[in-house]
Protein backbone atom coordinates (compact mmCIF):
# COMPACT_ATOMS: atom_id res chain seq x y z
CA MET A 1 -13.49 18.32 41.52
CA LYS A 2 -13.78 18.73 37.76
CA VAL A 3 -16.79 17.49 35.83
CA PHE A 4 -16.60 16.76 32.19
CA ARG A 5 -19.58 16.01 30.02
CA GLY A 6 -17.89 13.40 27.68
CA LEU A 7 -14.31 13.15 26.92
CA PRO A 8 -12.15 16.07 27.85
CA ASN A 9 -10.77 18.00 25.00
CA ALA A 10 -7.01 17.46 24.25
CA ALA A 11 -5.84 20.61 26.36
CA ALA A 12 -7.72 19.20 29.41
CA ARG A 13 -6.66 15.48 29.34
CA ALA A 14 -4.31 14.49 31.94
CA PRO A 15 -2.61 11.11 33.10
CA CYS A 16 -4.92 9.35 35.22
CA ALA A 17 -5.77 6.58 37.77
CA LEU A 18 -9.32 5.54 36.47
CA THR A 19 -12.25 3.36 37.62
CA ILE A 20 -15.42 2.85 35.35
CA GLY A 21 -19.05 2.20 36.54
CA ASN A 22 -22.52 3.57 37.17
CA PHE A 23 -21.75 4.09 40.83
CA ASP A 24 -25.43 4.25 41.65
CA GLY A 25 -25.59 5.34 45.36
CA VAL A 26 -21.77 4.96 45.88
CA HIS A 27 -21.94 2.26 48.43
CA LEU A 28 -19.46 0.73 50.74
CA GLY A 29 -18.30 -1.32 47.68
CA HIS A 30 -17.90 1.68 45.52
CA GLN A 31 -16.17 3.43 48.42
CA ALA A 32 -13.52 0.70 48.80
CA LEU A 33 -12.91 0.72 45.04
CA LEU A 34 -12.46 4.63 45.07
CA ALA A 35 -10.16 4.73 47.77
CA ARG A 36 -7.89 2.35 46.08
CA VAL A 37 -7.94 4.71 43.05
CA ARG A 38 -7.16 7.67 45.24
CA ALA A 39 -4.20 5.84 46.91
CA ALA A 40 -2.73 4.81 43.37
CA ALA A 41 -3.28 8.24 42.00
CA ASP A 42 -1.27 9.71 45.05
CA ARG A 43 1.38 6.97 44.90
CA LEU A 44 1.81 7.52 40.80
CA GLY A 45 1.31 11.35 40.57
CA LEU A 46 -1.91 10.88 38.92
CA GLU A 47 -5.15 12.52 38.74
CA ALA A 48 -7.87 10.34 40.47
CA ALA A 49 -10.76 9.90 37.73
CA VAL A 50 -14.08 8.18 37.41
CA MET A 51 -15.83 7.44 34.32
CA THR A 52 -19.64 7.24 34.81
CA PHE A 53 -22.71 7.11 32.44
CA GLU A 54 -25.76 9.29 31.61
CA PRO A 55 -28.34 7.51 31.29
CA HIS A 56 -27.39 4.08 33.02
CA PRO A 57 -26.80 1.79 30.18
CA ARG A 58 -29.63 -0.42 31.38
CA GLU A 59 -32.01 2.48 31.21
CA PHE A 60 -30.91 3.27 27.74
CA PHE A 61 -31.60 -0.33 26.37
CA ALA A 62 -34.86 -0.44 28.20
CA GLN A 63 -35.95 2.95 26.35
CA LYS A 64 -34.78 1.55 23.23
CA SER A 65 -36.65 -1.74 23.70
CA GLY A 66 -39.55 0.24 24.71
CA ASP A 67 -40.21 -1.67 27.99
CA LEU A 68 -39.19 0.68 30.71
CA SER A 69 -39.73 -1.85 33.42
CA LYS A 70 -36.28 -3.18 32.44
CA ALA A 71 -34.73 0.08 33.46
CA PRO A 72 -33.29 0.08 37.11
CA ALA A 73 -34.69 2.42 39.63
CA ARG A 74 -32.31 5.20 40.69
CA ILE A 75 -30.67 5.27 44.24
CA ALA A 76 -29.34 8.82 43.67
CA ASN A 77 -29.49 11.62 41.44
CA LEU A 78 -26.55 12.86 39.40
CA ARG A 79 -26.27 15.71 41.79
CA ASP A 80 -25.93 13.33 44.65
CA LYS A 81 -23.65 10.90 42.90
CA LEU A 82 -20.99 13.65 41.96
CA GLN A 83 -21.26 15.11 45.33
CA SER A 84 -20.35 11.26 46.75
CA LEU A 85 -17.51 11.05 44.34
CA SER A 86 -16.02 14.27 45.29
CA ASP A 87 -16.27 13.23 49.12
CA ASN A 88 -14.45 10.06 48.29
CA GLY A 89 -11.47 12.33 46.90
CA ILE A 90 -12.00 11.86 43.06
CA ASP A 91 -10.22 14.68 41.02
CA ARG A 92 -12.34 14.63 37.83
CA VAL A 93 -15.43 12.62 36.59
CA ILE A 94 -16.42 12.04 32.88
CA VAL A 95 -19.90 11.83 32.60
CA GLU A 96 -20.10 9.94 29.38
CA HIS A 97 -23.67 10.22 27.45
CA PHE A 98 -24.58 6.57 26.85
CA SER A 99 -25.63 6.33 23.19
CA SER A 100 -26.09 3.96 20.26
CA SER A 101 -22.90 4.93 18.93
CA PHE A 102 -20.95 4.53 22.37
CA ALA A 103 -22.77 1.35 22.94
CA ALA A 104 -21.51 0.16 19.45
CA LEU A 105 -17.90 0.52 20.39
CA THR A 106 -15.80 -2.52 20.05
CA PRO A 107 -13.58 -3.70 23.22
CA GLN A 108 -10.49 -2.44 21.03
CA GLU A 109 -11.92 0.81 19.83
CA PHE A 110 -13.03 1.59 23.77
CA THR A 111 -9.55 0.79 24.77
CA GLU A 112 -7.99 3.03 21.93
CA LYS A 113 -10.27 5.90 21.67
CA VAL A 114 -11.58 6.07 25.22
CA LEU A 115 -9.07 4.99 27.56
CA VAL A 116 -5.68 5.67 25.72
CA GLU A 117 -6.57 8.66 23.74
CA GLY A 118 -9.35 10.24 25.44
CA LEU A 119 -8.24 9.59 29.15
CA HIS A 120 -4.64 9.00 29.20
CA VAL A 121 -5.20 6.17 31.54
CA LYS A 122 -1.97 4.82 33.35
CA TRP A 123 -3.64 2.68 36.20
CA LEU A 124 -6.97 1.16 35.84
CA MET A 125 -9.12 -0.58 38.51
CA VAL A 126 -12.68 -2.38 37.79
CA GLY A 127 -14.79 -4.89 39.65
CA ASP A 128 -13.75 -8.53 39.28
CA ASP A 129 -16.75 -9.14 36.70
CA PHE A 130 -16.40 -6.39 34.62
CA CYS A 131 -17.38 -6.26 30.90
CA TYR A 132 -17.13 -3.53 28.22
CA GLY A 133 -17.44 -2.79 24.80
CA ALA A 134 -20.40 -3.69 22.42
CA ARG A 135 -22.48 -6.63 23.63
CA ARG A 136 -20.35 -6.72 26.89
CA ALA A 137 -17.65 -8.62 24.76
CA GLY A 138 -14.76 -7.23 26.73
CA ASN A 139 -13.64 -8.83 30.09
CA VAL A 140 -10.87 -8.36 32.60
CA GLN A 141 -8.30 -10.59 30.77
CA MET A 142 -8.84 -8.70 27.27
CA LEU A 143 -8.28 -5.38 29.51
CA LEU A 144 -5.11 -6.82 31.13
CA GLU A 145 -3.75 -7.83 27.73
CA ALA A 146 -4.71 -4.17 26.42
CA GLY A 147 -2.99 -2.62 29.58
CA GLN A 148 0.34 -4.57 28.35
CA ARG A 149 0.01 -3.56 24.73
CA TYR A 150 -0.76 0.28 25.78
CA GLY A 151 1.13 0.63 28.79
CA PHE A 152 -1.47 0.96 31.48
CA HIS A 153 -1.65 -1.14 34.75
CA VAL A 154 -5.01 -3.04 35.58
CA GLU A 155 -6.04 -4.12 38.89
CA THR A 156 -9.51 -5.89 40.09
CA LEU A 157 -11.45 -5.57 43.33
CA PRO A 158 -13.05 -8.50 44.38
CA THR A 159 -16.98 -8.20 45.48
CA VAL A 160 -17.29 -6.32 48.91
CA MET A 161 -19.44 -8.01 51.48
CA ASN A 162 -21.53 -7.01 54.36
CA GLY A 163 -21.73 -10.24 56.37
CA SER A 164 -22.96 -12.77 53.91
CA THR A 165 -24.61 -9.85 51.58
CA ARG A 166 -22.72 -8.92 48.52
CA ILE A 167 -22.49 -5.13 48.70
CA SER A 168 -24.24 -3.98 45.55
CA SER A 169 -26.50 -1.21 44.12
CA SER A 170 -29.21 -3.83 43.78
CA ALA A 171 -28.93 -4.96 47.17
CA VAL A 172 -29.35 -1.10 48.25
CA ARG A 173 -32.49 -0.70 45.90
CA ALA A 174 -33.95 -3.97 47.48
CA ALA A 175 -33.46 -2.56 50.97
CA LEU A 176 -35.03 0.80 49.81
CA SER A 177 -38.05 -0.52 48.10
CA GLU A 178 -38.63 -2.60 51.58
CA GLY A 179 -38.38 0.61 53.70
CA ASP A 180 -35.50 -1.16 55.43
CA PHE A 181 -33.44 2.08 56.08
CA PRO A 182 -31.09 0.41 58.68
CA HIS A 183 -29.90 -2.28 56.22
CA ALA A 184 -29.50 0.65 53.33
CA GLU A 185 -27.22 2.56 55.71
CA ALA A 186 -25.24 -0.41 56.65
CA LEU A 187 -24.73 -1.04 52.70
CA LEU A 188 -24.10 2.77 52.04
CA GLY A 189 -22.38 3.79 54.93
CA HIS A 190 -24.42 6.61 55.48
CA PRO A 191 -28.24 7.34 55.96
CA TYR A 192 -30.20 7.54 52.76
CA ALA A 193 -31.22 11.07 51.60
CA ILE A 194 -32.27 12.81 48.48
CA SER A 195 -31.12 16.28 47.83
CA GLY A 196 -32.66 19.06 45.37
CA HIS A 197 -33.85 22.49 44.95
CA VAL A 198 -37.07 23.41 46.29
CA ILE A 199 -39.50 23.91 43.37
CA HIS A 200 -43.10 25.45 42.93
CA GLY A 201 -45.75 22.91 43.36
CA GLN A 202 -49.46 23.12 42.88
CA LYS A 203 -49.97 24.61 46.52
CA LEU A 204 -52.50 21.84 47.14
CA GLY A 205 -50.91 20.93 50.57
CA ARG A 206 -51.33 24.57 51.81
CA THR A 207 -55.15 24.61 51.10
CA LEU A 208 -55.15 21.00 52.91
CA GLY A 209 -53.45 22.62 56.03
CA PHE A 210 -50.04 20.77 55.13
CA PRO A 211 -47.80 23.21 53.22
CA THR A 212 -45.14 21.38 51.43
CA LEU A 213 -41.44 21.58 50.19
CA ASN A 214 -41.41 20.00 46.67
CA LEU A 215 -38.41 18.32 44.96
CA ARG A 216 -38.59 17.26 41.50
CA VAL A 217 -37.22 13.26 40.98
CA PRO A 218 -36.22 12.98 37.47
CA HIS A 219 -35.80 9.26 37.34
CA ARG A 220 -38.03 6.19 38.75
CA PRO A 221 -36.66 6.38 42.35
CA ALA A 222 -35.75 3.03 44.44
CA LEU A 223 -38.56 3.61 47.03
CA SER A 224 -42.17 5.14 47.06
CA GLY A 225 -44.66 5.86 49.93
CA ILE A 226 -45.16 7.98 52.86
CA PHE A 227 -42.09 8.53 55.19
CA ILE A 228 -40.88 10.13 58.25
CA VAL A 229 -38.00 12.30 57.57
CA GLN A 230 -35.66 15.02 58.67
CA VAL A 231 -34.81 17.91 56.28
CA HIS A 232 -30.98 19.42 56.11
CA GLY A 233 -30.36 22.86 54.98
CA LEU A 234 -33.01 25.02 56.34
CA GLY A 235 -31.36 25.55 60.11
CA GLU A 236 -28.33 24.56 62.14
CA GLN A 237 -30.14 21.41 63.02
CA PRO A 238 -32.25 18.93 60.86
CA LEU A 239 -35.94 19.62 60.83
CA PRO A 240 -38.46 16.88 61.54
CA ALA A 241 -40.85 16.56 58.74
CA VAL A 242 -43.31 13.79 57.04
CA ALA A 243 -42.96 13.33 53.29
CA SER A 244 -44.57 11.68 50.15
CA LEU A 245 -42.55 10.28 47.57
CA GLY A 246 -44.33 8.99 44.56
CA VAL A 247 -46.72 10.20 41.71
CA ARG A 248 -49.59 11.64 43.73
CA PRO A 249 -52.52 9.42 42.22
CA THR A 250 -55.28 11.20 44.02
CA VAL A 251 -54.66 14.60 42.57
CA ASP A 252 -52.56 14.04 39.58
CA ASP A 253 -52.68 11.59 36.56
CA SER A 254 -49.53 12.70 34.87
CA GLY A 255 -47.33 9.95 36.43
CA ARG A 256 -44.66 12.69 37.42
CA VAL A 257 -42.74 11.66 40.47
CA LEU A 258 -42.31 14.20 43.12
CA LEU A 259 -40.98 14.33 46.82
CA GLU A 260 -43.24 16.45 48.79
CA VAL A 261 -42.33 17.40 52.36
CA HIS A 262 -44.02 18.94 55.36
CA VAL A 263 -41.78 20.38 57.82
CA PHE A 264 -43.46 20.66 61.06
CA ASP A 265 -43.88 23.94 62.52
CA PHE A 266 -41.93 25.75 59.89
CA ALA A 267 -43.29 28.65 57.54
CA GLN A 268 -40.16 29.97 55.77
CA ASN A 269 -40.18 30.62 52.12
CA CYS A 270 -37.64 28.17 50.56
CA TYR A 271 -38.29 28.37 46.94
CA GLY A 272 -34.82 27.76 45.24
CA LYS A 273 -32.98 26.20 48.38
CA GLN A 274 -31.21 23.32 48.13
CA VAL A 275 -32.04 20.82 50.69
CA ARG A 276 -31.14 17.26 51.65
CA VAL A 277 -34.32 15.01 52.71
CA GLU A 278 -33.12 12.07 55.00
CA PHE A 279 -35.15 9.13 55.43
CA LEU A 280 -35.80 7.58 58.73
CA GLN A 281 -38.68 5.23 58.50
CA LYS A 282 -41.52 4.31 56.17
CA ILE A 283 -45.15 4.76 57.21
CA ARG A 284 -46.97 3.24 54.43
CA ASP A 285 -47.36 2.85 50.70
CA GLU A 286 -48.86 5.56 48.36
CA GLU A 287 -52.81 5.30 47.83
CA LYS A 288 -55.31 6.73 45.81
CA TYR A 289 -58.25 8.33 47.64
CA VAL A 290 -61.77 8.54 46.72
CA ASP A 291 -61.69 12.41 47.64
CA LEU A 292 -59.56 15.21 49.22
CA PRO A 293 -61.20 15.04 52.66
CA THR A 294 -60.13 11.35 52.69
CA LEU A 295 -56.84 12.27 51.49
CA THR A 296 -56.60 15.07 54.51
CA ALA A 297 -57.76 12.63 56.88
CA ALA A 298 -54.76 10.28 55.68
CA ILE A 299 -52.13 12.99 55.88
CA HIS A 300 -53.28 14.08 59.54
CA ARG A 301 -52.85 10.06 60.52
CA ASP A 302 -49.16 10.22 58.86
CA ALA A 303 -48.34 13.73 60.52
CA ASP A 304 -49.42 12.06 63.84
CA ILE A 305 -47.32 9.33 63.39
CA ALA A 306 -44.27 11.15 62.47
CA ARG A 307 -44.76 13.65 65.33
CA ALA A 308 -45.04 10.56 67.67
CA PHE A 309 -41.78 9.31 66.49
CA PHE A 310 -39.76 12.61 66.84
CA ALA A 311 -41.12 12.85 70.33
CA LYS A 312 -40.33 9.47 71.49
CA ARG A 313 -36.66 9.80 69.75
CA ALA A 314 -36.44 13.17 71.84
CA THR A 315 -37.60 11.30 74.98
CA ASP A 316 -35.03 8.47 74.50
CA ARG A 317 -32.27 10.58 74.05
CA ILE A 318 -32.67 12.46 77.55
């Protein structure tokens, strides 16, 4: 899969079947849409393409207004999003930098400069509530009319449901924030996980008797707390572990979000390795403790709960 930061240059442009969106989490609704794009591309002899945005438009406007609470939490980092798009058969992804100038494009300018000139769109699929252009002034009807004028076909995909629940990134975020991983998995179509490269931390966990693998989390995650997890990428089988995802209020006042994972009975040097941390169950919320001994005691309790979980799971499988 080819990834472009911004519109491809003229030599790299190719007629495509396209869809547009943030695709945070690439849930089952997204997957249904991507399957239609892939099928259209195969049928028409086109490249299957996705245009997505970085930062998320709502994140951009929240930063601009100075109220970051309006920014949505992230289900997935960009690496995980791109991997999911590739897994769903997409040939090329355009990661468009969402900026003031991009946000100011009128629907007409977006159609001409982005869809027609920049991407050579021949077939386009969007959700039935799709809006585009400055102040979200463009809608599906305008897109259908533009398609007739410029020679590209437009289709819409109705909302995908899971029972009575609309499958959406907002629904996934809500499930994750509540620690409801079975519901999140039902919406995503796979277990929830975060991947990244292991980085150097403060080595505090080692001094407390709980060495950790540390992963940087650049955006506000959709969940926080202490979790039972398993780690993929360090052996043939996933390894049992306990993890903390949050700002570590007892030992750090920077507000930086970190995923710290203590893998049970494991002592290899993993710096620089890419791992995938799969979330299985929430133990508790993150807390601020009065001192390190109190924190250490809490970590021991969390580890005991996680070990008991894995022991029971192993027994249940026999």
